[in-house]
Amino acid sequence: MAQTVILHGASQRSFAKQMIDRAPAGAVVTIREATRSTDQNAKMWAMLSDVSRAKPEGRHWTPETWKCAFMHSLGHQVKFCEGLDGSGPFPLGFRSSRLTVKQMIDLIEVIQEYGDRHGVVWTDPALCDGRTAA
């Protein structure tokens, strides 16, 4: 039976240690940073839609294409595979669902900086005030 413990404080750490002590031989333990929140995801997609509608630098890109461009600017890698029908390569990667909270904050800041620099009109009032709460 899989269980997830979010380490907010001492009691959760103690519980996680107890779980490890009781785990059967061969059990697997994974500790990783939390991934982005649903609020961060919603904010990112709203911002990407705003950028897409603004068409900065004459780029008529979809929000998905903008997401890939911004993730690439932060150094996130993508690889390409050849299509089955010989139609050319297609990209794999650029999944924001795998970003940590901190990585998502960085992505949102890059989107906002680019949008501010290119006159994007934000639909989120908090972005219009110059605040970058992620």
Protein backbone atom coordinates (compact mmCIF):
# COMPACT_ATOMS: atom_id res chain seq x y z
CA MET A 1 0.00 0.00 0.00
CA ALA A 2 1.52 3.31 -1.13
CA GLN A 3 1.45 6.23 1.27
CA THR A 4 2.56 9.81 0.87
CA VAL A 5 3.73 11.98 3.75
CA ILE A 6 4.29 15.70 3.26
CA LEU A 7 7.03 16.83 5.61
CA HIS A 8 5.65 20.04 7.14
CA GLY A 9 7.14 19.58 10.60
CA ALA A 10 8.52 17.26 13.28
CA SER A 11 5.39 15.09 13.64
CA GLN A 12 5.31 14.24 9.92
CA ARG A 13 9.04 13.45 9.95
CA SER A 14 8.54 11.18 12.96
CA PHE A 15 5.64 9.41 11.24
CA ALA A 16 7.70 8.94 8.06
CA LYS A 17 10.54 7.40 10.09
CA GLN A 18 8.07 5.01 11.76
CA MET A 19 6.75 3.99 8.35
CA ILE A 20 10.29 3.25 7.19
CA ASP A 21 10.99 1.19 10.32
CA ARG A 22 7.85 -0.90 9.66
CA ALA A 23 8.32 -1.21 5.91
CA PRO A 24 8.79 -4.72 4.53
CA ALA A 25 12.08 -5.78 2.95
CA GLY A 26 12.27 -4.58 -0.62
CA ALA A 27 10.06 -1.53 -0.02
CA VAL A 28 10.98 1.60 -1.98
CA VAL A 29 11.22 5.07 -0.41
CA THR A 30 11.32 8.19 -2.57
CA ILE A 31 11.90 11.67 -1.21
CA ARG A 32 11.49 14.58 -3.60
CA GLU A 33 10.58 18.23 -3.59
CA ALA A 34 6.89 19.03 -3.92
CA THR A 35 5.72 19.67 -7.46
CA ARG A 36 3.91 22.78 -8.55
CA SER A 37 0.52 23.61 -7.11
CA THR A 38 -2.77 23.74 -9.01
CA ASP A 39 -2.91 27.49 -8.31
CA GLN A 40 0.52 27.93 -9.89
CA ASN A 41 -0.59 25.86 -12.87
CA ALA A 42 -3.75 27.92 -13.35
CA LYS A 43 -1.76 31.16 -13.10
CA MET A 44 0.81 29.92 -15.62
CA TRP A 45 -1.87 28.98 -18.20
CA ALA A 46 -3.69 32.31 -17.75
CA MET A 47 -0.41 34.15 -18.29
CA LEU A 48 0.49 32.04 -21.31
CA SER A 49 -2.94 32.75 -22.81
CA ASP A 50 -2.41 36.49 -22.23
CA VAL A 51 0.99 36.33 -23.96
CA SER A 52 -0.46 34.30 -26.84
CA ARG A 53 -3.28 36.83 -27.40
CA ALA A 54 -0.80 39.73 -27.35
CA LYS A 55 1.32 38.18 -30.15
CA PRO A 56 4.55 39.87 -28.99
CA GLU A 57 7.23 40.26 -31.67
CA GLY A 58 4.60 39.13 -34.20
CA ARG A 59 4.67 35.56 -32.86
CA HIS A 60 1.35 33.82 -33.44
CA TRP A 61 2.05 30.97 -31.03
CA THR A 62 -0.31 28.85 -28.98
CA PRO A 63 -0.06 28.97 -25.17
CA GLU A 64 1.55 25.49 -25.31
CA THR A 65 4.26 26.74 -27.69
CA TRP A 66 4.89 29.74 -25.43
CA LYS A 67 5.20 27.40 -22.44
CA CYS A 68 7.86 25.39 -24.26
CA ALA A 69 9.74 28.55 -25.26
CA PHE A 70 9.77 29.87 -21.69
CA MET A 71 10.80 26.51 -20.24
CA HIS A 72 13.59 26.30 -22.82
CA SER A 73 14.77 29.78 -21.79
CA LEU A 74 15.18 28.43 -18.24
CA GLY A 75 17.32 25.54 -19.46
CA HIS A 76 14.73 22.76 -19.41
CA GLN A 77 15.65 20.21 -22.04
CA VAL A 78 13.56 18.46 -24.64
CA LYS A 79 14.47 15.61 -26.94
CA PHE A 80 13.08 14.70 -30.34
CA CYS A 81 11.97 11.37 -31.75
CA GLU A 82 11.30 10.49 -35.38
CA GLY A 83 7.62 10.12 -36.25
CA LEU A 84 6.27 6.71 -37.21
CA ASP A 85 4.99 7.87 -40.58
CA GLY A 86 8.18 9.63 -41.71
CA SER A 87 6.57 13.04 -41.16
CA GLY A 88 9.57 14.30 -39.22
CA PRO A 89 10.65 14.64 -35.62
CA PHE A 90 8.35 15.49 -32.73
CA PRO A 91 9.32 16.86 -29.30
CA LEU A 92 9.19 15.00 -26.00
CA GLY A 93 9.38 16.84 -22.72
CA PHE A 94 8.53 20.31 -21.43
CA ARG A 95 6.06 18.95 -18.87
CA SER A 96 5.32 21.63 -16.31
CA SER A 97 3.58 19.08 -14.08
CA ARG A 98 7.03 17.78 -13.11
CA LEU A 99 8.36 21.17 -12.05
CA THR A 100 9.00 21.83 -8.38
CA VAL A 101 7.29 24.74 -6.64
CA LYS A 102 10.51 26.79 -6.95
CA GLN A 103 10.95 25.93 -10.64
CA MET A 104 7.35 26.98 -11.26
CA ILE A 105 7.95 30.29 -9.46
CA ASP A 106 10.95 30.87 -11.76
CA LEU A 107 8.86 30.03 -14.84
CA ILE A 108 6.05 32.39 -13.82
CA GLU A 109 8.60 35.17 -13.17
CA VAL A 110 10.15 34.68 -16.62
CA ILE A 111 6.73 34.79 -18.28
CA GLN A 112 5.81 37.97 -16.39
CA GLU A 113 9.12 39.69 -17.13
CA TYR A 114 8.80 38.90 -20.84
CA GLY A 115 5.16 39.97 -20.93
CA ASP A 116 5.84 43.21 -19.05
CA ARG A 117 8.70 43.99 -21.43
CA HIS A 118 6.44 43.39 -24.46
CA GLY A 119 3.33 45.21 -23.24
CA VAL A 120 1.17 42.17 -22.52
CA VAL A 121 -2.11 43.12 -20.84
CA TRP A 122 -2.55 40.69 -17.95
CA THR A 123 -6.00 39.39 -17.08
CA ASP A 124 -4.84 38.72 -13.49
CA PRO A 125 -5.17 42.01 -11.57
CA ALA A 126 -2.30 41.07 -9.24
CA LEU A 127 0.08 41.04 -12.21
CA CYS A 128 -1.06 44.51 -13.25
CA ASP A 129 0.04 45.81 -9.84
CA GLY A 130 3.57 44.52 -10.41
CA ARG A 131 3.28 41.80 -7.78
CA THR A 132 4.54 38.32 -8.68
CA ALA A 133 2.90 36.18 -6.01
CA ALA A 134 3.13 32.61 -7.22
